[in-house]
Amino acid sequence: MNYIDTEVIEAHKIKIINHLNNLGIENIRKEIITGLTSKQKTISSKFFYDKTGSKLFEDITQLPEYYPTRTEKKILKTIAPKLMHNLRHADIVELGSGDCSKISLLLNSIPKENLKTINYIPVDVSQSAVNESARNLVEKFPDLSIKGLVADFINQLDLIPKTSKRMLCFLGSTLGNFTETVTNQFLKNLSSSMNSGDTFLLGVDLVKSTDILHDAYNDSQEVTAEFNKNILNVINDLINSDFNINDFEHKAFFNQGKSRIEMHLIANKDVIINTPFSTTTINLKKGENIHTENSYKFTQAQINNFAKASGLNIKEIFTDPNNWFALVLFEK
């Protein structure tokens, strides 16, 4: 994850620009320190995805307990021909793009003569994820033009070009990481940035059995635990701190009242963390936790509220036979 250097990568039909330095490393460090010195210590889930974190998450998506990715992909494969067959002279913008496996399912359904008219714009905070995804896609789809943005799309939504007709995609239920307030504001901002005729494909995880949810975030191979702990390595790089991941245990559970999975890191002993960017040390008592992620699970009523909050129209909702996951197609 590169927060400091601006980097432009150009090759063949690929252009990638890193805009994260525009946020200012000082602001990023301030956000981290504030979270770690609050009464309830927190680290934003956006810091999961350095190179190691991105690879670990890819591993998570292959686990038998982790249903969201395979369920969403099955829906995408089913609906792709209908959605993509007539798309041409358009930008496909993928927010939080990560790996390219999902967008490939959509691109596969675009006729070759139409694909030449398409620009794919992946937007992600992970430089390595955007780079690798772009390289893989241009090999698979040599006629595709790729214009990647390394950016925080919550705060840098205005960087996304909007001169062409656009299909915006926000897959993987990443929206579930946001609070209700942030979700509503993000959807309003996104809607305001869209032109008439633009579409927005949103992936959301649905409410289901607590046992299924628990197992998805507490896998038997403990890959999710490793992923959760790795966020401390990312923080060490950003604020020059001395977190030891072995001082913490992974904990994930479903908060029924708030309809969300919560992930925490629990200190297994008293811990003192030093960083040159804070005037005080960061102290955790044994048993104290750092809240690293929320993953909200949604109902049909909440999906309808997304439309009301954003001013977008729901064109169609696609789900799997178990009603575990939904892809919602909005239109401006």
Protein backbone atom coordinates (compact mmCIF):
# COMPACT_ATOMS: atom_id res chain seq x y z
CA MET A 1 0.00 0.00 0.00
CA ASN A 2 1.66 3.18 -1.17
CA TYR A 3 0.39 6.31 0.61
CA ILE A 4 3.31 8.60 -0.05
CA ASP A 5 4.66 8.40 -3.57
CA THR A 6 2.73 9.35 -6.67
CA GLU A 7 3.25 6.70 -9.28
CA VAL A 8 2.16 6.58 -12.89
CA ILE A 9 2.43 3.25 -14.68
CA GLU A 10 1.80 3.08 -18.41
CA ALA A 11 2.11 0.06 -20.66
CA HIS A 12 0.26 -0.86 -23.84
CA LYS A 13 -3.39 -0.15 -22.93
CA ILE A 14 -2.76 0.28 -19.19
CA LYS A 15 -2.43 3.55 -17.30
CA ILE A 16 -2.39 3.61 -13.50
CA ILE A 17 -2.11 6.72 -11.36
CA ASN A 18 -1.58 6.74 -7.59
CA HIS A 19 -3.52 9.60 -5.98
CA LEU A 20 -3.22 8.56 -2.35
CA ASN A 21 -0.50 11.08 -1.61
CA ASN A 22 -3.10 13.78 -2.20
CA LEU A 23 -4.78 12.71 1.04
CA GLY A 24 -1.60 13.55 2.92
CA ILE A 25 0.34 11.02 4.98
CA GLU A 26 -0.02 13.33 7.99
CA ASN A 27 -3.81 13.05 7.85
CA ILE A 28 -3.61 9.28 7.50
CA ARG A 29 -1.30 9.01 10.51
CA LYS A 30 -3.56 11.33 12.50
CA GLU A 31 -6.56 9.10 11.69
CA ILE A 32 -4.68 6.00 12.87
CA ILE A 33 -3.39 7.61 16.09
CA THR A 34 -6.85 8.99 16.91
CA GLY A 35 -8.37 5.54 16.50
CA LEU A 36 -5.73 3.87 18.66
CA THR A 37 -5.95 6.42 21.48
CA SER A 38 -9.76 6.49 21.69
CA LYS A 39 -11.63 4.79 24.54
CA GLN A 40 -12.74 2.08 22.09
CA LYS A 41 -9.61 1.54 20.05
CA THR A 42 -10.21 1.17 16.33
CA ILE A 43 -8.33 0.71 13.07
CA SER A 44 -10.20 1.34 9.82
CA SER A 45 -10.72 -1.79 7.72
CA LYS A 46 -9.33 0.07 4.69
CA PHE A 47 -5.87 -0.59 6.13
CA PHE A 48 -6.22 -4.37 5.71
CA TYR A 49 -5.09 -4.35 2.12
CA ASP A 50 -1.37 -4.12 1.71
CA LYS A 51 0.19 -6.74 -0.57
CA THR A 52 0.09 -9.44 2.13
CA GLY A 53 -3.44 -8.51 3.20
CA SER A 54 -4.73 -8.62 -0.36
CA LYS A 55 -3.23 -12.09 -0.85
CA LEU A 56 -4.68 -13.33 2.45
CA PHE A 57 -8.12 -12.06 1.48
CA GLU A 58 -7.88 -13.90 -1.83
CA ASP A 59 -7.12 -17.04 0.21
CA ILE A 60 -10.15 -16.35 2.41
CA THR A 61 -12.44 -16.23 -0.63
CA GLN A 62 -11.42 -19.83 -1.44
CA LEU A 63 -12.28 -21.21 2.00
CA PRO A 64 -15.27 -23.57 2.25
CA GLU A 65 -16.79 -21.55 5.10
CA TYR A 66 -16.61 -18.23 3.25
CA TYR A 67 -19.80 -18.17 1.15
CA PRO A 68 -19.99 -14.48 -0.03
CA THR A 69 -17.48 -14.60 -2.90
CA ARG A 70 -18.58 -17.85 -4.50
CA THR A 71 -22.26 -16.93 -4.09
CA GLU A 72 -21.79 -13.52 -5.65
CA LYS A 73 -19.78 -14.99 -8.52
CA LYS A 74 -22.56 -17.47 -9.31
CA ILE A 75 -25.05 -14.60 -9.51
CA LEU A 76 -22.66 -12.54 -11.67
CA LYS A 77 -22.12 -15.41 -14.08
CA THR A 78 -25.88 -15.83 -14.45
CA ILE A 79 -26.74 -12.17 -15.02
CA ALA A 80 -23.65 -11.07 -17.01
CA PRO A 81 -25.01 -11.88 -20.51
CA LYS A 82 -28.13 -9.81 -19.83
CA LEU A 83 -26.23 -6.87 -18.34
CA MET A 84 -23.25 -6.66 -20.66
CA HIS A 85 -24.23 -7.85 -24.15
CA ASN A 86 -25.21 -4.42 -25.48
CA LEU A 87 -22.71 -2.33 -23.50
CA ARG A 88 -20.42 -0.22 -25.69
CA HIS A 89 -18.64 3.15 -25.66
CA ALA A 90 -18.72 3.14 -21.87
CA ASP A 91 -16.55 3.17 -18.76
CA ILE A 92 -16.82 0.27 -16.31
CA VAL A 93 -15.74 1.65 -12.92
CA GLU A 94 -15.04 -0.88 -10.17
CA LEU A 95 -14.80 0.59 -6.67
CA GLY A 96 -12.62 -1.41 -4.29
CA SER A 97 -11.57 -3.55 -7.22
CA GLY A 98 -9.22 -5.98 -5.45
CA ASP A 99 -8.57 -9.01 -7.67
CA CYS A 100 -10.04 -9.22 -11.16
CA SER A 101 -12.00 -12.47 -10.90
CA LYS A 102 -15.45 -10.87 -10.52
CA ILE A 103 -15.09 -8.17 -13.14
CA SER A 104 -13.78 -10.84 -15.54
CA LEU A 105 -17.19 -12.54 -15.37
CA LEU A 106 -18.79 -9.34 -16.64
CA LEU A 107 -16.13 -8.62 -19.26
CA ASN A 108 -16.44 -12.16 -20.61
CA SER A 109 -20.00 -11.36 -21.68
CA ILE A 110 -19.09 -8.29 -23.74
CA PRO A 111 -18.76 -9.11 -27.47
CA LYS A 112 -15.20 -8.58 -28.74
CA GLU A 113 -16.22 -5.78 -31.10
CA ASN A 114 -17.84 -3.93 -28.18
CA LEU A 115 -14.94 -4.57 -25.80
CA LYS A 116 -12.73 -2.36 -27.95
CA THR A 117 -14.95 0.59 -27.00
CA ILE A 118 -14.81 -0.05 -23.24
CA ASN A 119 -12.56 1.57 -20.63
CA TYR A 120 -12.14 -0.34 -17.38
CA ILE A 121 -11.36 1.87 -14.37
CA PRO A 122 -10.38 -0.06 -11.24
CA VAL A 123 -10.26 2.07 -8.07
CA ASP A 124 -8.57 0.64 -4.97
CA VAL A 125 -6.33 1.74 -2.08
CA SER A 126 -3.92 -1.11 -2.82
CA GLN A 127 -1.35 -0.25 -5.50
CA SER A 128 -0.29 -3.88 -5.82
CA ALA A 129 -3.90 -5.04 -6.28
CA VAL A 130 -4.57 -2.54 -9.07
CA ASN A 131 -1.27 -3.33 -10.79
CA GLU A 132 -1.74 -7.09 -10.71
CA SER A 133 -5.38 -6.91 -11.73
CA ALA A 134 -4.55 -4.67 -14.69
CA ARG A 135 -1.78 -6.99 -15.89
CA ASN A 136 -4.00 -10.05 -15.64
CA LEU A 137 -6.91 -8.42 -17.42
CA VAL A 138 -4.92 -7.03 -20.33
CA GLU A 139 -3.56 -10.54 -20.97
CA LYS A 140 -7.06 -11.99 -20.92
CA PHE A 141 -8.73 -9.10 -22.76
CA PRO A 142 -6.07 -7.51 -25.02
CA ASP A 143 -8.64 -5.15 -26.59
CA LEU A 144 -9.55 -3.65 -23.21
CA SER A 145 -8.28 -0.21 -22.21
CA ILE A 146 -7.46 0.08 -18.48
CA LYS A 147 -7.15 3.36 -16.59
CA GLY A 148 -6.54 2.45 -12.95
CA LEU A 149 -6.75 4.77 -9.97
CA VAL A 150 -5.03 4.06 -6.66
CA ALA A 151 -7.30 6.12 -4.43
CA ASP A 152 -9.63 6.16 -1.43
CA PHE A 153 -12.93 6.37 -3.28
CA ILE A 154 -14.81 7.48 -0.16
CA ASN A 155 -12.78 10.69 -0.02
CA GLN A 156 -11.64 10.90 -3.66
CA LEU A 157 -14.79 10.06 -5.61
CA ASP A 158 -14.32 13.20 -7.71
CA LEU A 159 -11.18 11.72 -9.32
CA ILE A 160 -13.22 9.19 -11.30
CA PRO A 161 -13.77 10.36 -14.90
CA LYS A 162 -17.40 10.94 -15.89
CA THR A 163 -17.22 12.07 -19.50
CA SER A 164 -18.59 8.76 -20.86
CA LYS A 165 -21.59 6.64 -20.04
CA ARG A 166 -20.66 4.61 -16.97
CA MET A 167 -21.45 1.38 -15.25
CA LEU A 168 -20.21 1.63 -11.66
CA CYS A 169 -19.65 -1.60 -9.72
CA PHE A 170 -19.23 -1.94 -5.96
CA LEU A 171 -19.05 -5.66 -5.38
CA GLY A 172 -18.19 -7.96 -2.49
CA SER A 173 -20.52 -6.31 0.04
CA THR A 174 -17.78 -3.83 0.95
CA LEU A 175 -20.60 -1.38 1.62
CA GLY A 176 -21.25 -3.47 4.73
CA ASN A 177 -18.02 -2.13 6.26
CA PHE A 178 -19.52 1.36 6.53
CA THR A 179 -21.71 2.82 9.25
CA GLU A 180 -25.27 3.80 8.28
CA THR A 181 -24.27 7.47 8.24
CA VAL A 182 -21.26 6.88 5.99
CA THR A 183 -23.29 4.56 3.74
CA ASN A 184 -26.04 7.12 3.18
CA GLN A 185 -23.56 9.93 2.52
CA PHE A 186 -21.50 7.77 0.17
CA LEU A 187 -24.59 6.78 -1.82
CA LYS A 188 -25.70 10.42 -2.04
CA ASN A 189 -22.25 11.48 -3.23
CA LEU A 190 -22.10 8.64 -5.74
CA SER A 191 -25.55 9.50 -7.07
CA SER A 192 -24.56 13.15 -7.43
CA SER A 193 -21.52 12.13 -9.46
CA MET A 194 -23.58 10.01 -11.86
CA ASN A 195 -25.07 11.21 -15.13
CA SER A 196 -28.52 10.31 -16.37
CA GLY A 197 -28.40 6.79 -17.83
CA ASP A 198 -25.44 5.66 -15.67
CA THR A 199 -25.95 2.43 -13.74
CA PHE A 200 -24.63 1.19 -10.41
CA LEU A 201 -24.25 -2.51 -9.57
CA LEU A 202 -24.03 -3.05 -5.80
CA GLY A 203 -23.23 -6.30 -4.00
CA VAL A 204 -24.78 -6.76 -0.53
CA ASP A 205 -24.63 -9.63 1.94
CA LEU A 206 -28.04 -10.56 3.32
CA VAL A 207 -29.18 -11.49 6.83
CA LYS A 208 -29.02 -15.26 7.40
CA SER A 209 -28.34 -17.97 9.99
CA THR A 210 -25.95 -16.85 12.74
CA ASP A 211 -24.05 -20.15 12.47
CA ILE A 212 -23.31 -19.58 8.78
CA LEU A 213 -22.12 -16.04 9.50
CA HIS A 214 -19.95 -17.12 12.44
CA ASP A 215 -18.19 -19.86 10.46
CA ALA A 216 -17.49 -17.51 7.55
CA TYR A 217 -15.39 -15.25 9.80
CA ASN A 218 -13.87 -17.95 12.02
CA ASP A 219 -12.54 -20.46 9.50
CA SER A 220 -10.95 -23.71 10.64
CA GLN A 221 -7.63 -22.89 8.92
CA GLU A 222 -7.44 -19.53 10.76
CA VAL A 223 -6.71 -17.60 7.58
CA THR A 224 -9.14 -14.88 8.66
CA ALA A 225 -7.26 -14.61 11.96
CA GLU A 226 -4.00 -14.12 10.06
CA PHE A 227 -5.68 -11.52 7.83
CA ASN A 228 -7.03 -9.64 10.84
CA LYS A 229 -3.65 -9.60 12.63
CA ASN A 230 -1.80 -8.44 9.50
CA ILE A 231 -3.48 -5.03 9.79
CA LEU A 232 -1.02 -4.36 12.65
CA ASN A 233 1.90 -4.87 10.26
CA VAL A 234 0.34 -2.30 7.91
CA ILE A 235 -0.05 0.14 10.80
CA ASN A 236 3.59 -0.43 11.84
CA ASP A 237 4.66 0.65 8.35
CA LEU A 238 2.48 3.75 8.37
CA ILE A 239 3.21 5.13 11.86
CA ASN A 240 6.55 3.42 12.58
CA SER A 241 5.00 1.61 15.55
CA ASP A 242 6.09 -1.65 17.18
CA PHE A 243 2.96 -3.81 17.28
CA ASN A 244 3.71 -7.54 17.63
CA ILE A 245 0.93 -9.58 16.05
CA ASN A 246 1.64 -12.43 18.49
CA ASP A 247 0.38 -10.20 21.32
CA PHE A 248 -3.16 -10.33 19.89
CA GLU A 249 -5.90 -12.88 19.20
CA HIS A 250 -8.56 -12.75 16.49
CA LYS A 251 -12.20 -12.51 17.54
CA ALA A 252 -15.22 -12.29 15.22
CA PHE A 253 -18.88 -12.55 16.19
CA PHE A 254 -22.34 -11.58 14.97
CA ASN A 255 -23.86 -8.61 16.79
CA GLN A 256 -27.56 -9.42 16.45
CA GLY A 257 -28.77 -6.02 17.64
CA LYS A 258 -26.74 -4.16 15.02
CA SER A 259 -27.05 -6.87 12.32
CA ARG A 260 -23.32 -6.98 11.74
CA ILE A 261 -20.27 -9.18 12.06
CA GLU A 262 -17.64 -7.48 14.20
CA MET A 263 -13.93 -8.27 14.01
CA HIS A 264 -11.61 -7.40 16.88
CA LEU A 265 -8.02 -7.98 17.97
CA ILE A 266 -7.81 -8.91 21.67
CA ALA A 267 -4.60 -8.21 23.60
CA ASN A 268 -3.40 -11.45 25.25
CA LYS A 269 -1.20 -9.46 27.66
CA ASP A 270 -0.59 -5.86 28.72
CA VAL A 271 0.88 -4.07 25.71
CA ILE A 272 2.68 -0.73 25.30
CA ILE A 273 3.03 0.54 21.73
CA ASN A 274 5.46 3.29 20.76
CA THR A 275 5.30 5.55 17.72
CA PRO A 276 7.21 8.77 16.97
CA PHE A 277 3.96 10.29 15.63
CA SER A 278 2.21 10.33 19.01
CA THR A 279 3.19 12.32 22.09
CA THR A 280 1.89 9.51 24.31
CA THR A 281 2.29 5.76 24.21
CA ILE A 282 -0.57 3.51 23.13
CA ASN A 283 -1.51 1.23 26.03
CA LEU A 284 -3.70 -1.87 26.00
CA LYS A 285 -4.55 -3.96 29.02
CA LYS A 286 -4.82 -7.72 28.73
CA GLY A 287 -8.26 -8.48 27.27
CA GLU A 288 -8.69 -5.02 25.75
CA ASN A 289 -9.67 -4.98 22.09
CA ILE A 290 -9.02 -3.07 18.88
CA HIS A 291 -12.12 -2.98 16.66
CA THR A 292 -10.93 -3.60 13.08
CA GLU A 293 -14.04 -4.27 11.00
CA ASN A 294 -17.82 -4.26 10.81
CA SER A 295 -19.63 -6.22 8.13
CA TYR A 296 -23.32 -5.33 8.10
CA LYS A 297 -25.88 -7.81 6.76
CA PHE A 298 -28.90 -6.33 5.02
CA THR A 299 -32.61 -6.91 4.43
CA GLN A 300 -34.86 -6.06 1.49
CA ALA A 301 -36.19 -3.07 3.43
CA GLN A 302 -32.67 -1.70 3.87
CA ILE A 303 -31.95 -2.12 0.16
CA ASN A 304 -35.06 -0.04 -0.56
CA ASN A 305 -33.72 2.56 1.87
CA PHE A 306 -30.49 2.74 -0.17
CA ALA A 307 -32.56 3.92 -3.12
CA LYS A 308 -34.36 6.51 -1.00
CA ALA A 309 -31.12 7.78 0.51
CA SER A 310 -29.37 8.11 -2.85
CA GLY A 311 -32.17 9.17 -5.15
CA LEU A 312 -31.31 6.28 -7.47
CA ASN A 313 -33.90 3.92 -8.92
CA ILE A 314 -33.74 0.16 -8.33
CA LYS A 315 -33.88 -1.42 -11.77
CA GLU A 316 -33.56 -5.05 -10.65
CA ILE A 317 -32.42 -7.17 -7.68
CA PHE A 318 -30.66 -10.48 -8.35
CA THR A 319 -30.25 -13.12 -5.62
CA ASP A 320 -29.12 -16.73 -5.25
CA PRO A 321 -31.57 -19.61 -4.51
CA ASN A 322 -30.70 -19.48 -0.77
CA ASN A 323 -31.24 -15.71 -0.64
CA TRP A 324 -27.81 -15.31 0.96
CA PHE A 325 -26.50 -12.54 -1.27
CA ALA A 326 -27.91 -9.87 -3.59
CA LEU A 327 -26.70 -7.82 -6.53
CA VAL A 328 -28.74 -4.65 -6.89
CA LEU A 329 -28.81 -2.75 -10.19
CA PHE A 330 -29.55 0.95 -9.72
CA GLU A 331 -30.06 3.50 -12.47
CA LYS A 332 -29.72 7.28 -12.45
